[in-house]
Amino acid sequence: MSLGDHVLALDIGGTKLAAGVVGETGDVRSFVRTPTRVGEGPDAVVARLLDLGREALTAAGCAAADMAAVGIGCGGPLDPATGRVHGPPGLPGWDDVPIVDLVRSAYARPVFLENDATAAVLGEYRHGPWGDVRHMLYLTVSTGVGGGVILDGRLHTGAAGNGGEFGHVIIDWNGRVCGCGQRGCIEAYASGSSIARRAAEALATGEASSMREVPAVTAETVSAHAGRGDPLARRLWDETTAALGRAVAVMINVVEPELVILGGGVTRAGDALLLPVRHAALSQAMRPAGAAARVELSSHGDAVGVVGAAASAFHHLGESQ
């Protein structure tokens, strides 16, 4: 395996960690994942992440020394220049964690850090089946909600490296408190953790629901029971897709992209999420912008995080040459 052909990609999420060996063309040679277990603290999670990376290398039949670099995708805020993570809402306790230094010490390779959704949009742009698209938005709808932007064929990162924080677009300034401390962010309505929290709150009021039979209600529980006709689950799911659709419409108006891609764990619901969000977004966007846009699901499924982290690593390697 050629040194310059592959990277080790690490994806840090609030619910799961993932790792894979990925080629420059986006081919995934190995893909492994494990629960994050954020309650154990940053040290334990980082140790588990490093072990997962070694597992991915073994599964691909290579060693760290064979890798051109290591790419890390993580929810923000973070600083790609210093390689530090600065307290993402989905990773409580991750205050000023020097993740790049820790990973570099473990693998002795160049390491690049990027916001996970910013990396994912680059992965979709480079390796997705989207054709000649110059303006693209990506939203990860998972434990939290994040975003990434391609403008005129170039990755947009912003002045501080965290551009595209779509999860904190405010859709109701008097709304629910978000993990970031503000009120009414889309993350407070459409993230997997928020969907589960809203379900638990409703159940605590005594509302009748088939979800009471489930020991630990998740976003997947709400989606599944909504599909079976449970009134409470249906209402929660409709609220979620309406909020997400409204947020996507705002983003379409601001950026006027040709393509909006939805990824992340909540999108495992498939058309149950995509179709109402697409309808709401395109019908509520201003007419020229809405007519020019498509809304689709990620082409990489659960591997989008590692494909994105790898694409970001190759992007930075190219810039450094």
Protein backbone atom coordinates (compact mmCIF):
# COMPACT_ATOMS: atom_id res chain seq x y z
CA MET A 1 0.00 0.00 0.00
CA SER A 2 1.54 3.30 -1.06
CA LEU A 3 2.20 5.88 1.64
CA GLY A 4 0.46 8.66 -0.27
CA ASP A 5 -2.65 6.72 -1.23
CA HIS A 6 -4.44 6.31 2.11
CA VAL A 7 -5.11 8.04 5.40
CA LEU A 8 -6.47 6.95 8.75
CA ALA A 9 -9.73 8.81 9.35
CA LEU A 10 -11.19 9.34 12.84
CA ASP A 11 -14.74 10.59 13.45
CA ILE A 12 -15.60 11.87 16.95
CA GLY A 13 -19.32 12.14 17.72
CA GLY A 14 -21.35 12.57 20.86
CA THR A 15 -22.90 9.12 20.49
CA LYS A 16 -20.37 7.11 18.51
CA LEU A 17 -16.73 7.04 17.47
CA ALA A 18 -15.75 5.73 14.05
CA ALA A 19 -12.48 5.04 12.29
CA GLY A 20 -11.46 3.84 8.86
CA VAL A 21 -8.67 3.59 6.36
CA VAL A 22 -9.71 5.61 3.32
CA GLY A 23 -8.06 6.12 -0.05
CA GLU A 24 -7.59 9.36 -1.96
CA THR A 25 -10.49 8.41 -4.25
CA GLY A 26 -12.81 7.88 -1.27
CA ASP A 27 -12.58 4.08 -1.18
CA VAL A 28 -13.12 2.82 2.36
CA ARG A 29 -10.74 -0.06 3.09
CA SER A 30 -11.97 -0.56 6.65
CA PHE A 31 -14.67 0.92 8.86
CA VAL A 32 -15.21 0.30 12.58
CA ARG A 33 -17.16 2.10 15.27
CA THR A 34 -17.93 2.02 18.97
CA PRO A 35 -20.05 4.03 21.45
CA THR A 36 -18.47 7.29 22.61
CA ARG A 37 -19.66 7.09 26.24
CA VAL A 38 -19.01 10.78 26.84
CA GLY A 39 -19.76 10.41 30.56
CA GLU A 40 -16.40 8.69 31.03
CA GLY A 41 -14.60 11.93 30.19
CA PRO A 42 -12.19 13.03 27.45
CA ASP A 43 -9.21 10.91 28.52
CA ALA A 44 -11.14 7.65 28.34
CA VAL A 45 -12.83 8.59 25.07
CA VAL A 46 -9.56 9.57 23.42
CA ALA A 47 -7.96 6.29 24.55
CA ARG A 48 -10.89 4.38 23.03
CA LEU A 49 -10.60 6.42 19.82
CA LEU A 50 -6.90 5.60 19.47
CA ASP A 51 -7.61 1.90 20.02
CA LEU A 52 -10.37 2.08 17.41
CA GLY A 53 -7.92 3.62 14.95
CA ARG A 54 -5.52 0.74 15.52
CA GLU A 55 -8.40 -1.68 14.94
CA ALA A 56 -9.18 0.04 11.63
CA LEU A 57 -5.52 -0.23 10.58
CA THR A 58 -5.45 -3.94 11.43
CA ALA A 59 -8.70 -4.54 9.55
CA ALA A 60 -7.18 -2.87 6.47
CA GLY A 61 -3.98 -4.90 6.80
CA CYS A 62 -1.65 -1.94 7.27
CA ALA A 63 0.18 0.07 9.91
CA ALA A 64 0.16 3.72 10.91
CA ALA A 65 3.49 4.15 9.15
CA ASP A 66 1.76 3.28 5.85
CA MET A 67 -0.59 6.25 6.19
CA ALA A 68 0.01 9.61 4.55
CA ALA A 69 -1.71 11.31 7.48
CA VAL A 70 -4.52 11.08 10.01
CA GLY A 71 -7.70 13.11 9.51
CA ILE A 72 -10.00 13.90 12.44
CA GLY A 73 -13.59 15.09 12.15
CA CYS A 74 -15.20 16.42 15.33
CA GLY A 75 -18.13 18.61 16.23
CA GLY A 76 -17.25 22.22 16.95
CA PRO A 77 -16.35 24.66 18.25
CA LEU A 78 -12.74 23.76 17.60
CA ASP A 79 -9.58 25.33 16.21
CA PRO A 80 -8.10 23.51 13.21
CA ALA A 81 -4.97 25.67 13.35
CA THR A 82 -4.04 24.75 16.93
CA GLY A 83 -5.63 21.30 16.83
CA ARG A 84 -7.72 21.86 19.94
CA VAL A 85 -11.39 21.16 20.70
CA HIS A 86 -13.22 23.89 22.62
CA GLY A 87 -16.30 22.49 24.36
CA PRO A 88 -18.70 21.13 21.74
CA PRO A 89 -22.24 20.85 23.19
CA GLY A 90 -22.28 17.14 22.32
CA LEU A 91 -18.99 16.45 24.12
CA PRO A 92 -19.37 17.79 27.67
CA GLY A 93 -16.02 18.21 29.41
CA TRP A 94 -14.07 18.58 26.16
CA ASP A 95 -12.71 22.00 27.05
CA ASP A 96 -9.44 22.85 25.30
CA VAL A 97 -8.60 19.22 24.47
CA PRO A 98 -5.37 19.04 22.37
CA ILE A 99 -6.68 16.24 20.20
CA VAL A 100 -4.18 16.71 17.35
CA ASP A 101 -1.18 16.46 19.70
CA LEU A 102 -2.63 13.34 21.33
CA VAL A 103 -3.29 11.62 18.02
CA ARG A 104 0.09 12.63 16.57
CA SER A 105 1.87 11.16 19.60
CA ALA A 106 -0.02 7.89 19.20
CA TYR A 107 0.51 7.35 15.48
CA ALA A 108 3.58 9.47 14.59
CA ARG A 109 1.91 10.81 11.44
CA PRO A 110 0.81 14.29 10.31
CA VAL A 111 -2.63 15.00 11.80
CA PHE A 112 -5.34 17.39 10.59
CA LEU A 113 -8.44 18.43 12.53
CA GLU A 114 -11.65 19.68 10.91
CA ASN A 115 -15.22 20.32 11.98
CA ASP A 116 -16.98 17.04 11.22
CA ALA A 117 -19.69 18.51 9.01
CA THR A 118 -17.20 20.75 7.20
CA ALA A 119 -15.17 17.63 6.47
CA ALA A 120 -18.30 15.73 5.41
CA VAL A 121 -19.30 18.32 2.82
CA LEU A 122 -15.83 18.03 1.31
CA GLY A 123 -16.18 14.22 1.22
CA GLU A 124 -19.56 14.46 -0.50
CA TYR A 125 -18.26 17.06 -2.95
CA ARG A 126 -15.21 15.00 -3.90
CA HIS A 127 -16.65 11.50 -3.75
CA GLY A 128 -20.44 11.75 -4.03
CA PRO A 129 -22.53 10.95 -7.15
CA TRP A 130 -23.69 14.54 -7.53
CA GLY A 131 -22.23 15.55 -10.87
CA ASP A 132 -21.11 19.08 -11.65
CA VAL A 133 -22.21 20.88 -8.48
CA ARG A 134 -20.44 24.11 -7.51
CA HIS A 135 -22.50 25.22 -4.50
CA MET A 136 -23.37 22.61 -1.87
CA LEU A 137 -24.55 22.52 1.75
CA TYR A 138 -24.28 19.56 4.09
CA LEU A 139 -26.19 19.11 7.36
CA THR A 140 -25.34 16.38 9.80
CA VAL A 141 -28.40 15.51 11.88
CA SER A 142 -27.09 13.33 14.65
CA THR A 143 -26.46 13.79 18.41
CA GLY A 144 -26.16 17.45 17.41
CA VAL A 145 -26.71 19.34 14.17
CA GLY A 146 -23.78 20.70 12.17
CA GLY A 147 -23.10 21.96 8.68
CA GLY A 148 -20.58 22.41 5.94
CA VAL A 149 -20.45 24.64 2.85
CA ILE A 150 -18.92 24.44 -0.62
CA LEU A 151 -19.05 27.78 -2.45
CA ASP A 152 -18.06 27.95 -6.10
CA GLY A 153 -16.21 24.65 -5.76
CA ARG A 154 -14.23 25.72 -2.70
CA LEU A 155 -14.54 24.64 0.92
CA HIS A 156 -15.80 27.47 3.13
CA THR A 157 -14.39 27.41 6.67
CA GLY A 158 -14.83 31.00 7.81
CA ALA A 159 -12.55 33.36 9.72
CA ALA A 160 -12.13 31.07 12.74
CA GLY A 161 -12.43 27.71 10.98
CA ASN A 162 -15.99 26.92 12.11
CA GLY A 163 -18.05 28.39 9.27
CA GLY A 164 -21.33 26.63 8.50
CA GLU A 165 -22.59 26.10 12.06
CA PHE A 166 -26.11 25.45 10.79
CA GLY A 167 -27.11 23.69 14.00
CA HIS A 168 -27.15 27.06 15.72
CA VAL A 169 -29.32 28.89 13.24
CA ILE A 170 -32.09 30.23 15.48
CA ILE A 171 -35.60 29.45 14.31
CA ASP A 172 -37.39 30.59 17.51
CA TRP A 173 -35.63 33.20 19.63
CA ASN A 174 -37.97 32.41 22.56
CA GLY A 175 -37.67 28.66 22.04
CA ARG A 176 -36.02 25.72 23.75
CA VAL A 177 -32.63 26.12 25.39
CA CYS A 178 -29.86 24.66 23.23
CA GLY A 179 -26.70 22.98 24.47
CA CYS A 180 -24.76 26.02 23.24
CA GLY A 181 -26.62 28.21 25.77
CA GLN A 182 -28.83 30.08 23.27
CA ARG A 183 -32.54 29.59 22.73
CA GLY A 184 -34.35 28.26 19.68
CA CYS A 185 -31.44 26.76 17.71
CA ILE A 186 -32.33 24.10 15.18
CA GLU A 187 -30.17 21.68 17.23
CA ALA A 188 -32.66 22.10 20.08
CA TYR A 189 -35.42 20.66 17.86
CA ALA A 190 -33.95 18.36 15.21
CA SER A 191 -30.93 16.66 16.80
CA GLY A 192 -31.21 13.06 17.92
CA SER A 193 -30.65 14.03 21.54
CA SER A 194 -33.35 16.70 21.35
CA ILE A 195 -35.88 14.35 19.76
CA ALA A 196 -35.29 11.83 22.57
CA ARG A 197 -35.48 14.56 25.23
CA ARG A 198 -38.73 15.96 23.89
CA ALA A 199 -40.22 12.46 23.83
CA ALA A 200 -39.20 11.87 27.45
CA GLU A 201 -40.75 15.20 28.48
CA ALA A 202 -44.03 14.35 26.77
CA LEU A 203 -44.14 10.88 28.28
CA ALA A 204 -43.49 12.34 31.74
CA THR A 205 -46.74 14.33 31.44
CA GLY A 206 -48.66 11.06 31.16
CA GLU A 207 -49.49 11.17 27.44
CA ALA A 208 -50.55 7.80 26.09
CA SER A 209 -48.05 6.26 23.70
CA SER A 210 -46.75 2.90 22.54
CA MET A 211 -43.29 4.33 23.26
CA ARG A 212 -43.90 3.64 26.96
CA GLU A 213 -43.02 0.02 26.22
CA VAL A 214 -39.46 1.03 25.26
CA PRO A 215 -36.92 1.19 28.13
CA ALA A 216 -34.80 3.97 26.58
CA VAL A 217 -36.53 6.15 24.00
CA THR A 218 -34.28 7.45 21.20
CA ALA A 219 -34.82 9.42 18.01
CA GLU A 220 -35.02 6.08 16.20
CA THR A 221 -37.81 5.03 18.59
CA VAL A 222 -39.78 8.17 17.78
CA SER A 223 -39.34 7.69 14.04
CA ALA A 224 -40.34 4.02 14.17
CA HIS A 225 -43.42 4.57 16.32
CA ALA A 226 -44.46 7.56 14.23
CA GLY A 227 -44.41 5.26 11.21
CA ARG A 228 -46.71 2.86 13.06
CA GLY A 229 -49.24 5.61 13.72
CA ASP A 230 -48.55 6.45 17.37
CA PRO A 231 -50.10 9.93 17.85
CA LEU A 232 -47.45 11.30 20.23
CA ALA A 233 -44.55 10.01 18.16
CA ARG A 234 -46.20 11.35 15.01
CA ARG A 235 -46.57 14.80 16.52
CA LEU A 236 -42.93 14.87 17.69
CA TRP A 237 -41.65 13.66 14.33
CA ASP A 238 -43.76 16.18 12.41
CA GLU A 239 -42.43 18.97 14.65
CA THR A 240 -38.88 17.77 13.98
CA THR A 241 -39.19 17.65 10.20
CA ALA A 242 -41.03 20.98 10.12
CA ALA A 243 -38.27 22.67 12.14
CA LEU A 244 -35.53 21.13 10.03
CA GLY A 245 -37.32 22.02 6.81
CA ARG A 246 -37.71 25.64 7.91
CA ALA A 247 -34.00 25.83 8.78
CA VAL A 248 -32.99 24.36 5.42
CA ALA A 249 -35.20 26.92 3.68
CA VAL A 250 -33.34 29.72 5.48
CA MET A 251 -30.00 28.26 4.43
CA ILE A 252 -31.14 27.91 0.82
CA ASN A 253 -32.19 31.57 0.80
CA VAL A 254 -28.84 32.70 2.21
CA VAL A 255 -26.47 30.55 0.13
CA GLU A 256 -28.61 29.60 -2.91
CA PRO A 257 -26.96 26.17 -3.38
CA GLU A 258 -27.66 23.64 -6.08
CA LEU A 259 -27.65 20.81 -3.54
CA VAL A 260 -28.38 20.31 0.16
CA ILE A 261 -27.30 16.95 1.61
CA LEU A 262 -28.62 15.52 4.88
CA GLY A 263 -26.47 13.02 6.77
CA GLY A 264 -25.99 11.70 10.29
CA GLY A 265 -27.69 9.10 12.44
CA VAL A 266 -31.19 10.61 12.39
CA THR A 267 -31.25 10.29 8.59
CA ARG A 268 -31.39 6.50 8.97
CA ALA A 269 -35.13 7.19 8.98
CA GLY A 270 -34.77 7.60 5.21
CA ASP A 271 -37.75 9.00 3.32
CA ALA A 272 -39.64 9.54 6.58
CA LEU A 273 -37.20 12.38 7.21
CA LEU A 274 -36.14 13.34 3.70
CA LEU A 275 -39.53 13.78 2.04
CA PRO A 276 -41.16 16.18 4.55
CA VAL A 277 -37.92 18.14 5.02
CA ARG A 278 -37.46 18.46 1.26
CA HIS A 279 -41.06 19.58 0.76
CA ALA A 280 -40.91 22.15 3.58
CA ALA A 281 -37.53 23.51 2.53
CA LEU A 282 -38.24 23.90 -1.17
CA SER A 283 -41.76 25.26 -0.69
CA GLN A 284 -40.71 27.84 1.93
CA ALA A 285 -37.51 29.03 0.24
CA MET A 286 -37.69 32.06 -2.02
CA ARG A 287 -38.82 30.93 -5.46
CA PRO A 288 -35.59 31.31 -7.48
CA ALA A 289 -33.47 29.73 -4.75
CA GLY A 290 -35.91 26.89 -4.07
CA ALA A 291 -36.29 26.12 -7.76
CA ALA A 292 -32.51 25.80 -8.16
CA ALA A 293 -31.95 23.46 -5.20
CA ARG A 294 -32.16 19.73 -4.56
CA VAL A 295 -32.36 18.12 -1.09
CA GLU A 296 -30.92 14.60 -0.84
CA LEU A 297 -29.55 12.09 1.68
CA SER A 298 -25.82 11.45 2.03
CA SER A 299 -24.35 8.99 -0.46
CA HIS A 300 -22.02 7.52 2.19
CA GLY A 301 -24.45 6.56 4.96
CA ASP A 302 -22.82 5.84 8.32
CA ALA A 303 -19.33 6.12 6.80
CA VAL A 304 -19.77 9.79 5.82
CA GLY A 305 -17.77 10.94 8.85
CA VAL A 306 -14.65 8.95 8.02
CA VAL A 307 -14.90 9.71 4.30
CA GLY A 308 -15.12 13.38 5.20
CA ALA A 309 -12.23 13.28 7.68
CA ALA A 310 -10.12 11.56 5.02
CA ALA A 311 -11.07 14.09 2.33
CA SER A 312 -10.12 16.89 4.70
CA ALA A 313 -6.74 15.26 5.40
CA PHE A 314 -6.00 14.94 1.69
CA HIS A 315 -7.15 18.54 1.19
CA HIS A 316 -4.69 19.79 3.82
CA LEU A 317 -1.91 17.57 2.48
CA GLY A 318 -2.43 19.11 -0.95
CA GLU A 319 -2.27 22.62 0.49
CA SER A 320 0.98 21.86 2.32
CA GLN A 321 2.79 20.60 -0.79
